[in-house]
């Protein structure tokens, strides 16, 4: 089952339905504390999951690892990738500047790969569940992102406001954002964008919202924001490119796929709303 293009978390989520009941216990604990439980001694991981140590070893073998140390080595590599700063991401060796491997070509290939990996590994049921939440007119939809991903939240909110009501983009200082959590009600939806290196204030906000019964939808990277521990639903996008900066191309593509699906689902009411909006536009 091991796939080098996917993180362990992505593999676990993709194959969750194939696991035995015992393996699912281990999988849920790993995802809920990702990657910490997997970095513990096997006996501690087993105690967390309420299963035996041999069950954990069978779970790890099911993921395609020859041993528990191999499994932990992969998790440590993922953790290092998760914490990379812009200074650590790119290595511009002399050969990388040559005509044999132009940055433009390598960048294009990386973006194409990110899109392919993202869309091929989004669980259809998870995508459909997010669309159903965002299409429910009884729910208020709140959106927020981090330093480099909040433009995605604003983009999604701007489009959704055209096809439905009760869409709010959260903006301002974190103290003011906490005040806005007071307006959130049980079963409202908070769509959060959080990519590596994850923002503590955004994580805290999502935790506060989840504590009030809000459905948290997380759009994150393959290494999973800590918000995954309180998220009702989660979509991950691949973001690495040969640059000091991560790419938002695949997350934006996910956003546009959600917009297309929500618009299609709400079209009977959305077309009327769009028509009314057009009437409000100034003439040519």
Protein backbone atom coordinates (compact mmCIF):
# COMPACT_ATOMS: atom_id res chain seq x y z
CA UNK A 1 0.00 0.00 0.00
CA UNK A 2 2.97 2.35 0.49
CA UNK A 3 2.93 5.16 -2.04
CA UNK A 4 5.90 7.52 -1.89
CA UNK A 5 3.85 10.34 -3.43
CA UNK A 6 1.39 10.30 -0.52
CA UNK A 7 1.89 10.97 3.15
CA UNK A 8 1.00 8.20 5.55
CA UNK A 9 -2.06 10.19 6.62
CA UNK A 10 -3.30 10.36 3.03
CA UNK A 11 -2.78 6.63 2.58
CA UNK A 12 -4.65 5.88 5.80
CA UNK A 13 -7.60 8.10 4.87
CA UNK A 14 -7.76 6.71 1.34
CA UNK A 15 -7.84 3.07 2.49
CA UNK A 16 -9.75 3.50 5.77
CA UNK A 17 -12.74 1.55 4.45
CA UNK A 18 -10.50 -1.46 3.71
CA UNK A 19 -9.15 -1.85 7.25
CA UNK A 20 -10.36 -4.32 9.85
CA UNK A 21 -12.12 -2.98 12.94
CA UNK A 22 -8.89 -3.18 14.94
CA UNK A 23 -6.89 -1.49 12.19
CA UNK A 24 -9.47 1.31 12.02
CA UNK A 25 -8.97 1.97 15.74
CA UNK A 26 -5.26 2.42 15.14
CA UNK A 27 -5.95 4.53 12.04
CA UNK A 28 -8.34 6.88 13.86
CA UNK A 29 -5.90 7.43 16.71
CA UNK A 30 -3.04 8.09 14.30
CA UNK A 31 -5.08 10.62 12.31
CA UNK A 32 -6.44 12.32 15.45
CA UNK A 33 -2.93 12.97 16.80
CA UNK A 34 -0.99 12.94 13.54
CA UNK A 35 1.88 12.19 13.51
CA UNK A 36 2.55 12.01 17.26
CA UNK A 37 0.98 8.64 18.09
CA UNK A 38 3.05 6.96 15.40
CA UNK A 39 6.27 8.40 16.82
CA UNK A 40 5.66 6.79 20.21
CA UNK A 41 6.87 3.30 21.17
CA UNK A 42 4.58 0.66 19.75
CA UNK A 43 3.23 -0.21 23.22
CA UNK A 44 2.18 3.41 23.81
CA UNK A 45 0.52 3.65 20.40
CA UNK A 46 -1.33 0.42 21.15
CA UNK A 47 -2.49 1.73 24.55
CA UNK A 48 -3.82 4.92 22.94
CA UNK A 49 -5.79 2.90 20.40
CA UNK A 50 -7.00 0.29 22.89
CA UNK A 51 -5.53 -2.56 20.87
CA UNK A 52 -2.60 -4.92 21.26
CA UNK A 53 0.96 -4.18 20.15
CA UNK A 54 0.79 -6.97 17.51
CA UNK A 55 -2.32 -5.23 16.11
CA UNK A 56 -0.31 -2.03 15.63
CA UNK A 57 2.42 -3.98 13.86
CA UNK A 58 -0.18 -5.57 11.56
CA UNK A 59 -1.60 -2.11 10.85
CA UNK A 60 1.86 -0.81 9.96
CA UNK A 61 2.50 -3.83 7.74
CA UNK A 62 -0.86 -3.22 6.03
CA UNK A 63 0.44 0.22 5.10
CA UNK A 64 3.36 -1.45 3.36
CA UNK A 65 6.17 -0.99 5.90
CA UNK A 66 8.59 -3.77 6.68
CA UNK A 67 8.97 -2.74 10.31
CA UNK A 68 7.77 -0.25 12.92
CA UNK A 69 11.12 1.65 12.75
CA UNK A 70 10.63 2.07 8.97
CA UNK A 71 7.16 3.45 9.64
CA UNK A 72 8.54 5.90 12.23
CA UNK A 73 11.39 6.95 9.93
CA UNK A 74 8.84 7.95 7.27
CA UNK A 75 6.81 9.88 9.86
CA UNK A 76 9.92 11.78 11.00
CA UNK A 77 10.70 12.69 7.40
CA UNK A 78 7.15 14.00 7.01
CA UNK A 79 7.47 16.00 10.21
CA UNK A 80 10.67 17.61 8.91
CA UNK A 81 8.90 18.49 5.65
CA UNK A 82 5.97 19.92 7.58
CA UNK A 83 8.21 22.32 9.49
CA UNK A 84 10.30 23.57 6.57
CA UNK A 85 10.75 27.33 6.32
CA UNK A 86 11.26 29.18 2.99
CA UNK A 87 15.01 29.14 3.68
CA UNK A 88 14.96 25.34 3.87
CA UNK A 89 12.68 24.50 0.92
CA UNK A 90 14.73 25.24 -2.19
CA UNK A 91 18.25 24.17 -2.99
CA UNK A 92 19.58 25.92 -6.07
CA UNK A 93 22.48 23.72 -7.11
CA UNK A 94 24.50 24.95 -10.11
CA UNK A 95 23.07 22.17 -12.27
CA UNK A 96 19.54 23.28 -11.49
CA UNK A 97 20.22 26.53 -13.40
CA UNK A 98 21.43 24.85 -16.56
CA UNK A 99 19.48 24.57 -19.79
CA UNK A 100 19.10 20.84 -19.17
CA UNK A 101 16.71 21.48 -16.32
CA UNK A 102 15.23 24.95 -16.53
CA UNK A 103 13.33 26.11 -13.47
CA UNK A 104 10.29 26.89 -15.62
CA UNK A 105 10.09 23.29 -16.84
CA UNK A 106 10.63 21.81 -13.39
CA UNK A 107 8.07 24.17 -11.89
CA UNK A 108 5.49 23.30 -14.54
CA UNK A 109 6.05 19.58 -13.94
CA UNK A 110 5.69 20.03 -10.18
CA UNK A 111 2.43 21.95 -10.54
CA UNK A 112 1.04 19.35 -12.93
CA UNK A 113 2.00 16.63 -10.48
CA UNK A 114 0.41 18.52 -7.57
CA UNK A 115 -2.87 18.79 -9.44
CA UNK A 116 -2.84 15.13 -10.47
CA UNK A 117 -1.99 13.88 -6.97
CA UNK A 118 -4.55 16.16 -5.33
CA UNK A 119 -7.48 15.20 -7.51
CA UNK A 120 -6.66 11.50 -7.72
CA UNK A 121 -6.60 11.12 -3.95
CA UNK A 122 -9.54 13.25 -2.78
CA UNK A 123 -12.02 10.77 -1.25
CA UNK A 124 -15.25 11.22 -3.26
CA UNK A 125 -17.41 10.78 -0.17
CA UNK A 126 -15.48 13.48 1.67
CA UNK A 127 -15.77 15.93 -1.22
CA UNK A 128 -19.51 15.27 -1.54
CA UNK A 129 -20.00 15.75 2.20
CA UNK A 130 -18.29 19.16 2.07
CA UNK A 131 -20.43 20.18 -0.90
CA UNK A 132 -23.59 19.12 0.98
CA UNK A 133 -22.63 21.26 4.00
CA UNK A 134 -21.80 24.29 1.89
CA UNK A 135 -25.04 23.93 -0.06
CA UNK A 136 -27.34 23.80 2.96
CA UNK A 137 -29.13 27.19 3.11
CA UNK A 138 -29.93 26.68 6.80
CA UNK A 139 -26.26 26.84 7.70
CA UNK A 140 -24.14 29.96 7.89
CA UNK A 141 -20.79 29.46 6.18
CA UNK A 142 -17.75 31.16 7.73
CA UNK A 143 -14.35 31.20 6.03
CA UNK A 144 -10.83 32.07 7.06
CA UNK A 145 -7.27 31.34 5.99
CA UNK A 146 -3.73 31.99 7.05
CA UNK A 147 -1.16 34.52 5.95
CA UNK A 148 -0.85 33.14 2.42
CA UNK A 149 -4.11 31.20 2.14
CA UNK A 150 -6.67 33.78 3.25
CA UNK A 151 -6.96 35.00 -0.37
CA UNK A 152 -8.35 31.53 -1.12
CA UNK A 153 -10.93 31.97 1.65
CA UNK A 154 -11.91 35.39 0.27
CA UNK A 155 -12.12 34.00 -3.27
CA UNK A 156 -14.40 31.16 -2.15
CA UNK A 157 -16.59 33.49 -0.07
CA UNK A 158 -16.94 36.03 -2.91
CA UNK A 159 -18.23 33.38 -5.29
CA UNK A 160 -20.46 31.62 -2.79
CA UNK A 161 -22.22 34.90 -1.91
CA UNK A 162 -23.45 35.01 -5.51
CA UNK A 163 -25.20 31.64 -5.30
CA UNK A 164 -26.37 31.58 -1.66
CA UNK A 165 -26.92 33.74 1.41
CA UNK A 166 -25.28 33.68 4.86
CA UNK A 167 -21.66 33.53 3.72
CA UNK A 168 -19.17 35.35 5.97
CA UNK A 169 -15.46 35.87 5.42
CA UNK A 170 -13.75 36.39 8.78
CA UNK A 171 -11.20 39.18 8.82
CA UNK A 172 -9.40 41.32 11.35
CA UNK A 173 -7.26 40.84 14.41
CA UNK A 174 -7.41 37.52 16.20
CA UNK A 175 -9.07 39.13 19.24
CA UNK A 176 -11.91 40.35 17.02
CA UNK A 177 -12.15 36.94 15.37
CA UNK A 178 -12.71 35.32 18.75
CA UNK A 179 -15.59 37.73 19.27
CA UNK A 180 -17.11 36.54 16.01
CA UNK A 181 -17.00 32.94 17.24
CA UNK A 182 -19.75 33.98 19.68
CA UNK A 183 -22.08 34.45 16.70
CA UNK A 184 -21.46 30.94 15.43
CA UNK A 185 -24.17 28.40 16.17
CA UNK A 186 -24.21 24.64 16.34
CA UNK A 187 -24.13 23.12 12.86
CA UNK A 188 -22.86 26.30 11.19
CA UNK A 189 -19.80 25.64 8.99
CA UNK A 190 -16.28 27.05 9.32
CA UNK A 191 -14.11 26.50 6.25
CA UNK A 192 -10.46 26.88 7.24
CA UNK A 193 -7.38 27.01 5.01
CA UNK A 194 -4.21 26.10 6.91
CA UNK A 195 -0.98 25.00 5.23
CA UNK A 196 2.50 24.34 6.60
CA UNK A 197 3.84 26.11 8.77
CA UNK A 198 0.49 26.14 10.50
CA UNK A 199 -0.75 29.28 12.27
CA UNK A 200 -1.41 28.89 15.97
CA UNK A 201 -4.08 31.60 15.99
CA UNK A 202 -6.03 29.93 13.17
CA UNK A 203 -5.71 26.56 14.91
CA UNK A 204 -7.01 28.08 18.16
CA UNK A 205 -9.93 29.71 16.35
CA UNK A 206 -10.95 26.41 14.73
CA UNK A 207 -10.76 24.67 18.10
CA UNK A 208 -13.02 27.31 19.67
CA UNK A 209 -15.53 26.95 16.84
CA UNK A 210 -15.52 23.16 17.05
CA UNK A 211 -16.15 23.45 20.78
CA UNK A 212 -19.38 25.32 19.97
CA UNK A 213 -20.60 22.53 17.71
CA UNK A 214 -19.56 24.21 14.46
CA UNK A 215 -18.75 21.86 11.56
CA UNK A 216 -15.13 22.54 10.71
CA UNK A 217 -14.07 21.91 7.10
CA UNK A 218 -10.30 21.93 6.75
CA UNK A 219 -8.42 22.47 3.49
CA UNK A 220 -4.80 21.65 4.21
CA UNK A 221 -1.64 20.04 2.84
CA UNK A 222 -0.56 16.38 2.88
CA UNK A 223 1.10 16.79 6.29
CA UNK A 224 -2.18 17.88 7.91
CA UNK A 225 -2.73 20.99 9.99
CA UNK A 226 -3.37 20.35 13.71
CA UNK A 227 -6.91 21.50 12.91
CA UNK A 228 -7.41 17.99 11.50
CA UNK A 229 -7.98 16.84 15.09
CA UNK A 230 -11.22 18.83 15.33
CA UNK A 231 -12.24 18.87 11.64
CA UNK A 232 -15.52 17.26 10.62
CA UNK A 233 -14.28 16.97 7.05
CA UNK A 234 -10.90 17.51 5.45
CA UNK A 235 -9.50 17.92 1.93
CA UNK A 236 -5.75 17.94 1.34
CA UNK A 237 -3.89 19.46 -1.59
CA UNK A 238 -0.32 18.94 -2.76
CA UNK A 239 1.75 22.13 -2.61
CA UNK A 240 5.54 21.47 -3.08
CA UNK A 241 7.29 23.12 -6.02
CA UNK A 242 10.97 23.87 -6.78
CA UNK A 243 10.82 27.20 -4.99
CA UNK A 244 11.28 28.74 -1.58
CA UNK A 245 7.49 29.10 -1.58
CA UNK A 246 4.74 26.50 -1.61
CA UNK A 247 2.17 26.59 -4.40
CA UNK A 248 -1.52 27.44 -3.99
CA UNK A 249 -2.43 26.14 -7.44
CA UNK A 250 -3.84 22.80 -6.27
CA UNK A 251 -5.71 24.30 -3.27
CA UNK A 252 -7.23 26.88 -5.64
CA UNK A 253 -8.27 24.09 -8.00
CA UNK A 254 -10.00 22.35 -5.08
CA UNK A 255 -11.80 25.60 -4.27
CA UNK A 256 -13.01 25.94 -7.84
CA UNK A 257 -14.17 22.31 -7.88
CA UNK A 258 -16.18 23.00 -4.71
CA UNK A 259 -17.65 26.15 -6.27
CA UNK A 260 -18.68 24.25 -9.39
CA UNK A 261 -20.32 21.48 -7.35
CA UNK A 262 -22.13 23.83 -4.96
CA UNK A 263 -23.40 25.98 -7.84
CA UNK A 264 -24.69 22.90 -9.66
CA UNK A 265 -26.41 21.64 -6.51
CA UNK A 266 -28.07 25.01 -5.81
CA UNK A 267 -28.75 25.95 -9.42
CA UNK A 268 -32.55 26.08 -9.17
CA UNK A 269 -32.31 28.85 -6.57
CA UNK A 270 -28.89 30.19 -7.59
CA UNK A 271 -29.98 31.17 -11.11
CA UNK A 272 -32.76 33.33 -9.65
CA UNK A 273 -30.33 34.94 -7.24
CA UNK A 274 -27.78 35.56 -9.99
CA UNK A 275 -30.51 37.14 -12.10
CA UNK A 276 -31.42 39.50 -9.25
CA UNK A 277 -27.78 40.42 -8.78
CA UNK A 278 -27.48 41.21 -12.48
CA UNK A 279 -30.43 43.58 -12.20
CA UNK A 280 -28.53 45.51 -9.52
CA UNK A 281 -25.50 45.99 -11.72
CA UNK A 282 -25.12 49.41 -13.31
CA UNK A 283 -25.85 49.57 -17.01
CA UNK A 284 -23.10 49.63 -19.67
